[in-house]
N, C-alpha and C. Protein backbone atom coordinates (compact mmCIF):
# COMPACT_ATOMS: atom_id res chain seq x y z
N MET A 1 157.62 -127.09 26.46
CA MET A 1 156.54 -126.14 26.29
C MET A 1 155.63 -126.53 25.12
N LEU A 2 156.25 -126.89 23.99
CA LEU A 2 155.47 -127.27 22.82
C LEU A 2 154.64 -128.52 23.11
N GLU A 3 155.23 -129.45 23.84
CA GLU A 3 154.52 -130.69 24.17
C GLU A 3 153.29 -130.40 25.04
N GLU A 4 153.43 -129.50 26.00
CA GLU A 4 152.30 -129.13 26.85
C GLU A 4 151.21 -128.43 26.06
N GLN A 5 151.61 -127.59 25.08
CA GLN A 5 150.63 -126.92 24.24
C GLN A 5 149.87 -127.93 23.37
N LEU A 6 150.60 -128.92 22.86
CA LEU A 6 149.95 -129.95 22.06
C LEU A 6 148.95 -130.75 22.89
N ILE A 7 149.32 -131.07 24.12
CA ILE A 7 148.42 -131.82 25.00
C ILE A 7 147.18 -130.98 25.30
N GLY A 8 147.38 -129.70 25.63
CA GLY A 8 146.25 -128.82 25.92
C GLY A 8 145.36 -128.63 24.69
N GLY A 9 145.98 -128.45 23.54
CA GLY A 9 145.21 -128.30 22.30
C GLY A 9 144.43 -129.55 21.95
N ALA A 10 145.05 -130.70 22.12
CA ALA A 10 144.37 -131.97 21.84
C ALA A 10 143.18 -132.15 22.79
N ALA A 11 143.37 -131.82 24.06
CA ALA A 11 142.27 -131.93 25.03
C ALA A 11 141.14 -130.98 24.66
N PHE A 12 141.50 -129.76 24.23
CA PHE A 12 140.50 -128.78 23.83
C PHE A 12 139.67 -129.30 22.66
N PHE A 13 140.33 -129.81 21.62
CA PHE A 13 139.62 -130.27 20.43
C PHE A 13 138.83 -131.55 20.70
N PHE A 14 139.37 -132.46 21.51
CA PHE A 14 138.65 -133.68 21.84
C PHE A 14 137.38 -133.34 22.62
N CYS A 15 137.51 -132.51 23.63
CA CYS A 15 136.35 -132.15 24.45
C CYS A 15 135.36 -131.29 23.66
N GLY A 16 135.87 -130.46 22.76
CA GLY A 16 134.98 -129.69 21.90
C GLY A 16 134.17 -130.61 20.99
N GLY A 17 134.82 -131.64 20.47
CA GLY A 17 134.12 -132.64 19.66
C GLY A 17 133.07 -133.37 20.47
N LEU A 18 133.39 -133.66 21.73
CA LEU A 18 132.43 -134.32 22.62
C LEU A 18 131.20 -133.42 22.83
N ILE A 19 131.42 -132.13 22.96
CA ILE A 19 130.30 -131.19 23.11
C ILE A 19 129.44 -131.19 21.85
N LEU A 20 130.08 -131.09 20.69
CA LEU A 20 129.33 -131.06 19.43
C LEU A 20 128.54 -132.35 19.24
N TRP A 21 129.17 -133.50 19.51
CA TRP A 21 128.47 -134.79 19.37
C TRP A 21 127.28 -134.84 20.31
N SER A 22 127.46 -134.40 21.55
CA SER A 22 126.38 -134.44 22.55
C SER A 22 125.22 -133.55 22.12
N LEU A 23 125.52 -132.35 21.64
CA LEU A 23 124.45 -131.45 21.20
C LEU A 23 123.72 -132.01 19.98
N PHE A 24 124.46 -132.58 19.04
CA PHE A 24 123.86 -133.21 17.87
C PHE A 24 122.94 -134.36 18.28
N THR A 25 123.41 -135.19 19.21
CA THR A 25 122.64 -136.34 19.68
C THR A 25 121.38 -135.88 20.41
N LEU A 26 121.50 -134.89 21.28
CA LEU A 26 120.33 -134.37 21.98
C LEU A 26 119.32 -133.80 20.99
N GLY A 27 119.80 -133.14 19.94
CA GLY A 27 118.91 -132.60 18.91
C GLY A 27 118.17 -133.70 18.17
N ARG A 28 118.88 -134.78 17.84
CA ARG A 28 118.23 -135.90 17.15
C ARG A 28 117.21 -136.58 18.06
N MET A 29 117.54 -136.71 19.34
CA MET A 29 116.60 -137.33 20.27
C MET A 29 115.34 -136.47 20.38
N ALA A 30 115.50 -135.16 20.45
CA ALA A 30 114.34 -134.27 20.56
C ALA A 30 113.50 -134.30 19.29
N ALA A 31 114.15 -134.39 18.13
CA ALA A 31 113.43 -134.38 16.85
C ALA A 31 112.53 -135.60 16.71
N THR A 32 112.93 -136.74 17.26
CA THR A 32 112.12 -137.95 17.10
C THR A 32 110.80 -137.87 17.84
N ARG A 33 110.67 -136.94 18.77
CA ARG A 33 109.39 -136.78 19.48
C ARG A 33 108.28 -136.34 18.54
N HIS A 34 108.64 -135.73 17.43
CA HIS A 34 107.66 -135.22 16.47
C HIS A 34 107.50 -136.13 15.25
N TRP A 35 108.13 -137.29 15.29
CA TRP A 35 108.02 -138.21 14.17
C TRP A 35 106.65 -138.86 14.15
N HIS A 36 106.19 -139.24 12.98
CA HIS A 36 104.91 -139.91 12.81
C HIS A 36 105.09 -141.41 13.00
N THR A 37 103.96 -142.12 13.11
CA THR A 37 104.01 -143.58 13.26
C THR A 37 103.22 -144.25 12.15
N THR A 38 103.62 -145.46 11.86
CA THR A 38 102.90 -146.31 10.93
C THR A 38 103.14 -147.75 11.39
N THR A 39 102.45 -148.68 10.79
CA THR A 39 102.65 -150.09 11.12
C THR A 39 103.59 -150.70 10.10
N GLY A 40 104.52 -151.49 10.60
CA GLY A 40 105.47 -152.18 9.74
C GLY A 40 105.46 -153.67 10.03
N THR A 41 106.18 -154.42 9.21
CA THR A 41 106.29 -155.87 9.37
C THR A 41 107.76 -156.25 9.42
N ILE A 42 108.12 -157.04 10.42
CA ILE A 42 109.50 -157.54 10.54
C ILE A 42 109.75 -158.53 9.42
N THR A 43 110.78 -158.27 8.61
CA THR A 43 111.14 -159.19 7.52
C THR A 43 112.36 -160.03 7.87
N GLY A 44 113.04 -159.66 8.94
CA GLY A 44 114.20 -160.44 9.39
C GLY A 44 114.66 -159.96 10.75
N ALA A 45 115.04 -160.90 11.61
CA ALA A 45 115.58 -160.58 12.94
C ALA A 45 116.56 -161.68 13.30
N TYR A 46 117.82 -161.31 13.48
CA TYR A 46 118.84 -162.32 13.71
C TYR A 46 120.06 -161.69 14.39
N ILE A 47 120.94 -162.53 14.87
CA ILE A 47 122.20 -162.08 15.45
C ILE A 47 123.28 -162.30 14.40
N GLU A 48 123.96 -161.22 14.01
CA GLU A 48 125.04 -161.30 13.03
C GLU A 48 126.35 -161.48 13.78
N THR A 49 127.17 -162.40 13.33
CA THR A 49 128.44 -162.68 13.98
C THR A 49 129.58 -162.27 13.06
N ASP A 50 130.47 -161.43 13.57
CA ASP A 50 131.69 -161.02 12.86
C ASP A 50 132.88 -161.55 13.63
N SER A 51 133.80 -162.17 12.93
CA SER A 51 134.99 -162.70 13.57
C SER A 51 136.21 -162.32 12.74
N ASP A 52 137.24 -161.84 13.42
CA ASP A 52 138.47 -161.52 12.73
C ASP A 52 139.58 -162.52 13.07
N GLY A 53 139.20 -163.63 13.69
CA GLY A 53 140.17 -164.63 14.08
C GLY A 53 140.54 -164.55 15.55
N ASP A 54 140.74 -163.32 16.04
CA ASP A 54 141.11 -163.14 17.45
C ASP A 54 139.90 -162.94 18.34
N SER A 55 138.87 -162.28 17.81
CA SER A 55 137.69 -162.01 18.62
C SER A 55 136.44 -162.15 17.75
N THR A 56 135.33 -162.34 18.44
CA THR A 56 134.04 -162.47 17.76
C THR A 56 133.09 -161.44 18.34
N ILE A 57 132.41 -160.74 17.46
CA ILE A 57 131.43 -159.73 17.88
C ILE A 57 130.07 -160.14 17.34
N GLN A 58 129.08 -160.12 18.21
CA GLN A 58 127.73 -160.44 17.80
C GLN A 58 126.89 -159.17 17.85
N ARG A 59 126.19 -158.89 16.75
CA ARG A 59 125.34 -157.70 16.66
C ARG A 59 123.93 -158.11 16.26
N PRO A 60 122.94 -157.62 16.97
CA PRO A 60 121.57 -157.90 16.56
C PRO A 60 121.21 -157.12 15.30
N ARG A 61 120.50 -157.74 14.41
CA ARG A 61 120.04 -157.10 13.18
C ARG A 61 118.54 -157.29 13.04
N VAL A 62 117.84 -156.22 12.71
CA VAL A 62 116.40 -156.26 12.50
C VAL A 62 116.13 -155.58 11.17
N GLU A 63 115.31 -156.20 10.34
CA GLU A 63 114.93 -155.65 9.06
C GLU A 63 113.40 -155.58 9.03
N TYR A 64 112.88 -154.48 8.51
CA TYR A 64 111.43 -154.34 8.47
C TYR A 64 111.00 -153.50 7.28
N ALA A 65 109.75 -153.70 6.89
CA ALA A 65 109.14 -152.96 5.78
C ALA A 65 107.95 -152.19 6.32
N TYR A 66 107.68 -151.04 5.72
CA TYR A 66 106.55 -150.21 6.14
C TYR A 66 106.11 -149.33 4.98
N LEU A 67 104.91 -148.80 5.08
CA LEU A 67 104.35 -147.93 4.06
C LEU A 67 104.10 -146.54 4.63
N VAL A 68 104.41 -145.52 3.84
CA VAL A 68 104.09 -144.14 4.18
C VAL A 68 103.43 -143.53 2.95
N ASP A 69 102.17 -143.12 3.09
CA ASP A 69 101.40 -142.56 1.97
C ASP A 69 101.42 -143.50 0.77
N GLY A 70 101.30 -144.80 1.03
CA GLY A 70 101.25 -145.79 -0.03
C GLY A 70 102.60 -146.15 -0.64
N GLU A 71 103.65 -145.48 -0.20
CA GLU A 71 105.00 -145.72 -0.72
C GLU A 71 105.73 -146.72 0.19
N PRO A 72 106.29 -147.81 -0.38
CA PRO A 72 106.98 -148.80 0.46
C PRO A 72 108.39 -148.34 0.86
N TYR A 73 108.76 -148.66 2.09
CA TYR A 73 110.10 -148.38 2.60
C TYR A 73 110.62 -149.61 3.31
N PHE A 74 111.94 -149.69 3.41
CA PHE A 74 112.61 -150.81 4.06
C PHE A 74 113.72 -150.22 4.92
N SER A 75 113.88 -150.73 6.14
CA SER A 75 114.92 -150.20 7.02
C SER A 75 115.53 -151.31 7.86
N ARG A 76 116.73 -151.03 8.34
CA ARG A 76 117.42 -151.94 9.27
C ARG A 76 117.69 -151.27 10.62
N ARG A 77 117.32 -149.99 10.74
CA ARG A 77 117.57 -149.31 12.01
C ARG A 77 116.42 -149.61 12.96
N TRP A 78 116.74 -150.20 14.07
CA TRP A 78 115.69 -150.49 15.04
C TRP A 78 115.84 -149.65 16.30
N ARG A 79 116.99 -149.05 16.50
CA ARG A 79 117.21 -148.09 17.60
C ARG A 79 118.00 -146.94 17.04
N MET A 80 117.74 -145.75 17.53
CA MET A 80 118.49 -144.58 17.06
C MET A 80 119.95 -144.65 17.49
N PHE A 81 120.18 -145.14 18.70
CA PHE A 81 121.52 -145.23 19.25
C PHE A 81 121.65 -146.56 19.98
N ASN A 82 122.86 -147.04 20.07
CA ASN A 82 123.17 -148.21 20.89
C ASN A 82 122.34 -149.44 20.53
N GLU A 83 122.59 -150.00 19.38
CA GLU A 83 121.89 -151.21 18.95
C GLU A 83 122.57 -152.43 19.56
N SER A 84 122.62 -152.48 20.88
CA SER A 84 123.30 -153.57 21.55
C SER A 84 122.37 -154.77 21.73
N GLU A 85 122.98 -155.89 22.01
CA GLU A 85 122.23 -157.14 22.14
C GLU A 85 121.20 -157.08 23.27
N GLY A 86 121.53 -156.33 24.34
CA GLY A 86 120.63 -156.26 25.48
C GLY A 86 119.26 -155.69 25.13
N HIS A 87 119.21 -154.79 24.15
CA HIS A 87 117.94 -154.18 23.75
C HIS A 87 117.19 -155.04 22.74
N PHE A 88 117.83 -156.09 22.26
CA PHE A 88 117.24 -156.96 21.24
C PHE A 88 116.29 -157.98 21.86
N TYR A 89 116.47 -158.23 23.14
CA TYR A 89 115.68 -159.26 23.82
C TYR A 89 114.68 -158.64 24.79
N THR A 90 113.66 -159.42 25.11
CA THR A 90 112.72 -159.06 26.15
C THR A 90 112.50 -160.33 26.98
N VAL A 91 111.85 -160.21 28.10
CA VAL A 91 111.62 -161.37 28.96
C VAL A 91 110.14 -161.74 28.91
N GLU A 92 109.89 -162.99 28.57
CA GLU A 92 108.52 -163.51 28.57
C GLU A 92 108.52 -164.80 29.38
N ARG A 93 107.65 -164.83 30.38
CA ARG A 93 107.53 -166.00 31.27
C ARG A 93 108.89 -166.43 31.82
N GLY A 94 109.69 -165.46 32.20
CA GLY A 94 110.98 -165.76 32.82
C GLY A 94 112.08 -166.16 31.84
N ARG A 95 111.80 -166.12 30.54
CA ARG A 95 112.81 -166.49 29.53
C ARG A 95 113.16 -165.28 28.68
N ARG A 96 114.41 -165.22 28.29
CA ARG A 96 114.87 -164.15 27.40
C ARG A 96 114.60 -164.57 25.95
N VAL A 97 113.76 -163.80 25.27
CA VAL A 97 113.38 -164.12 23.89
C VAL A 97 113.60 -162.88 23.02
N PRO A 98 113.82 -163.07 21.72
CA PRO A 98 113.99 -161.91 20.84
C PRO A 98 112.75 -161.01 20.86
N ARG A 99 112.99 -159.72 20.93
CA ARG A 99 111.91 -158.73 20.96
C ARG A 99 111.16 -158.70 19.62
N TYR A 100 111.88 -158.95 18.54
CA TYR A 100 111.30 -158.88 17.20
C TYR A 100 111.36 -160.25 16.55
N ARG A 101 110.23 -160.66 15.97
CA ARG A 101 110.16 -161.95 15.28
C ARG A 101 109.69 -161.72 13.85
N ARG A 102 110.26 -162.48 12.94
CA ARG A 102 109.91 -162.36 11.52
C ARG A 102 108.40 -162.52 11.34
N GLY A 103 107.81 -161.60 10.59
CA GLY A 103 106.37 -161.65 10.32
C GLY A 103 105.52 -160.87 11.30
N SER A 104 106.10 -160.46 12.43
CA SER A 104 105.30 -159.73 13.41
C SER A 104 105.13 -158.27 13.01
N GLU A 105 104.00 -157.69 13.43
CA GLU A 105 103.73 -156.29 13.16
C GLU A 105 104.35 -155.44 14.26
N VAL A 106 104.88 -154.28 13.86
CA VAL A 106 105.53 -153.37 14.80
C VAL A 106 105.13 -151.94 14.50
N THR A 107 105.28 -151.08 15.48
CA THR A 107 105.10 -149.65 15.27
C THR A 107 106.42 -149.09 14.76
N VAL A 108 106.36 -148.35 13.66
CA VAL A 108 107.53 -147.72 13.07
C VAL A 108 107.41 -146.22 13.27
N TYR A 109 108.45 -145.61 13.82
CA TYR A 109 108.53 -144.16 13.96
C TYR A 109 109.35 -143.65 12.79
N TYR A 110 108.81 -142.68 12.04
CA TYR A 110 109.54 -142.18 10.87
C TYR A 110 109.48 -140.66 10.81
N ASP A 111 110.49 -140.11 10.19
CA ASP A 111 110.59 -138.67 9.99
C ASP A 111 109.64 -138.28 8.85
N PRO A 112 108.65 -137.44 9.10
CA PRO A 112 107.69 -137.11 8.05
C PRO A 112 108.33 -136.37 6.86
N ARG A 113 109.45 -135.70 7.09
CA ARG A 113 110.13 -135.01 5.99
C ARG A 113 111.01 -135.96 5.18
N ARG A 114 111.48 -137.02 5.82
CA ARG A 114 112.31 -138.03 5.15
C ARG A 114 111.85 -139.40 5.64
N PRO A 115 110.79 -139.95 5.07
CA PRO A 115 110.20 -141.19 5.57
C PRO A 115 111.14 -142.40 5.58
N GLN A 116 112.22 -142.35 4.79
CA GLN A 116 113.18 -143.44 4.82
C GLN A 116 113.99 -143.45 6.12
N ASN A 117 113.93 -142.37 6.87
CA ASN A 117 114.61 -142.26 8.15
C ASN A 117 113.64 -142.74 9.24
N ALA A 118 113.82 -143.98 9.70
CA ALA A 118 112.86 -144.59 10.62
C ALA A 118 113.57 -145.40 11.70
N THR A 119 112.81 -145.73 12.72
CA THR A 119 113.32 -146.56 13.81
C THR A 119 112.14 -147.28 14.48
N LEU A 120 112.42 -148.35 15.18
CA LEU A 120 111.38 -149.07 15.91
C LEU A 120 111.30 -148.64 17.36
N GLN A 121 112.41 -148.16 17.90
CA GLN A 121 112.44 -147.71 19.29
C GLN A 121 112.89 -146.26 19.31
N ARG A 122 111.98 -145.40 19.66
CA ARG A 122 112.27 -143.97 19.70
C ARG A 122 112.99 -143.64 21.01
N PRO A 123 114.13 -142.95 20.94
CA PRO A 123 114.83 -142.63 22.19
C PRO A 123 114.11 -141.52 22.93
N LEU A 124 113.77 -141.77 24.16
CA LEU A 124 113.13 -140.74 24.97
C LEU A 124 114.19 -139.92 25.70
N PHE A 125 115.18 -140.62 26.26
CA PHE A 125 116.24 -139.94 26.97
C PHE A 125 117.36 -140.92 27.23
N ASP A 126 118.57 -140.50 26.98
CA ASP A 126 119.76 -141.30 27.28
C ASP A 126 120.59 -140.51 28.28
N PRO A 127 120.67 -140.96 29.53
CA PRO A 127 121.36 -140.17 30.55
C PRO A 127 122.85 -140.01 30.28
N LEU A 128 123.42 -140.84 29.43
CA LEU A 128 124.84 -140.72 29.13
C LEU A 128 125.16 -139.45 28.35
N VAL A 129 124.24 -138.99 27.51
CA VAL A 129 124.52 -137.84 26.64
C VAL A 129 124.75 -136.56 27.46
N PRO A 130 123.88 -136.20 28.40
CA PRO A 130 124.17 -134.98 29.18
C PRO A 130 125.43 -135.11 30.03
N VAL A 131 125.73 -136.32 30.48
CA VAL A 131 126.96 -136.53 31.26
C VAL A 131 128.17 -136.26 30.37
N LEU A 132 128.14 -136.78 29.13
CA LEU A 132 129.24 -136.52 28.20
C LEU A 132 129.33 -135.05 27.84
N LEU A 133 128.19 -134.39 27.71
CA LEU A 133 128.18 -132.96 27.44
C LEU A 133 128.84 -132.20 28.59
N LEU A 134 128.51 -132.56 29.81
CA LEU A 134 129.11 -131.92 30.98
C LEU A 134 130.62 -132.15 31.01
N PHE A 135 131.06 -133.40 30.76
CA PHE A 135 132.50 -133.68 30.71
C PHE A 135 133.18 -132.87 29.61
N GLY A 136 132.51 -132.73 28.47
CA GLY A 136 133.07 -131.94 27.39
C GLY A 136 133.25 -130.49 27.78
N ILE A 137 132.23 -129.92 28.41
CA ILE A 137 132.31 -128.52 28.85
C ILE A 137 133.42 -128.34 29.88
N MET A 138 133.47 -129.25 30.84
CA MET A 138 134.53 -129.17 31.86
C MET A 138 135.91 -129.35 31.23
N GLY A 139 136.00 -130.25 30.27
CA GLY A 139 137.29 -130.48 29.61
C GLY A 139 137.75 -129.28 28.81
N VAL A 140 136.84 -128.64 28.07
CA VAL A 140 137.20 -127.44 27.31
C VAL A 140 137.62 -126.33 28.27
N ALA A 141 136.86 -126.14 29.32
CA ALA A 141 137.20 -125.11 30.30
C ALA A 141 138.57 -125.39 30.93
N GLY A 142 138.81 -126.64 31.28
CA GLY A 142 140.11 -127.02 31.85
C GLY A 142 141.24 -126.81 30.87
N ALA A 143 141.02 -127.15 29.61
CA ALA A 143 142.06 -126.98 28.58
C ALA A 143 142.37 -125.49 28.37
N VAL A 144 141.33 -124.64 28.38
CA VAL A 144 141.54 -123.21 28.20
C VAL A 144 142.36 -122.66 29.37
N VAL A 145 142.02 -123.03 30.58
CA VAL A 145 142.77 -122.57 31.76
C VAL A 145 144.22 -123.06 31.67
N TYR A 146 144.39 -124.32 31.31
CA TYR A 146 145.73 -124.91 31.20
C TYR A 146 146.56 -124.18 30.15
N LEU A 147 145.97 -123.93 28.98
CA LEU A 147 146.71 -123.25 27.91
C LEU A 147 147.04 -121.79 28.28
N ARG A 148 146.15 -121.14 29.00
CA ARG A 148 146.41 -119.75 29.41
C ARG A 148 147.56 -119.69 30.42
N GLU A 149 147.63 -120.69 31.28
CA GLU A 149 148.71 -120.70 32.29
C GLU A 149 150.06 -121.00 31.66
N LEU A 150 150.05 -121.62 30.50
CA LEU A 150 151.32 -121.91 29.81
C LEU A 150 151.93 -120.65 29.21
N GLN A 151 151.11 -119.63 28.96
CA GLN A 151 151.62 -118.40 28.31
C GLN A 151 152.36 -117.51 29.26
């Protein structure tokens, strides 16, 4: 009985966390729609390689500088979520090339209340977030039903 309660409780808290994360993420995505824009300059764009001996992970890194009201800022965030390698490249003349090149000008989206909070690619919509929210809601509901039946 105790083991079943622990499983139900763990499912409840995990799915509840999934709901909170999804709502937080949706809120951040919505907030970026009101962010201001400025022009920035790419100061670095490269693939960073981390290896622990057993596996190697490659992560794209983009660094850029921009001005807001004459104040200089520097950032490394180029996407709000999922900074995967696939979003780092674009296709030109049938070849995969880096989307960002050192010295190139870019549009920077920044939070007018906290200008140091910026990104190069504003998330419009990520279909995974509502799906995870739905799974979280279903999981919490299922855990509640499961725990009630144990009593």
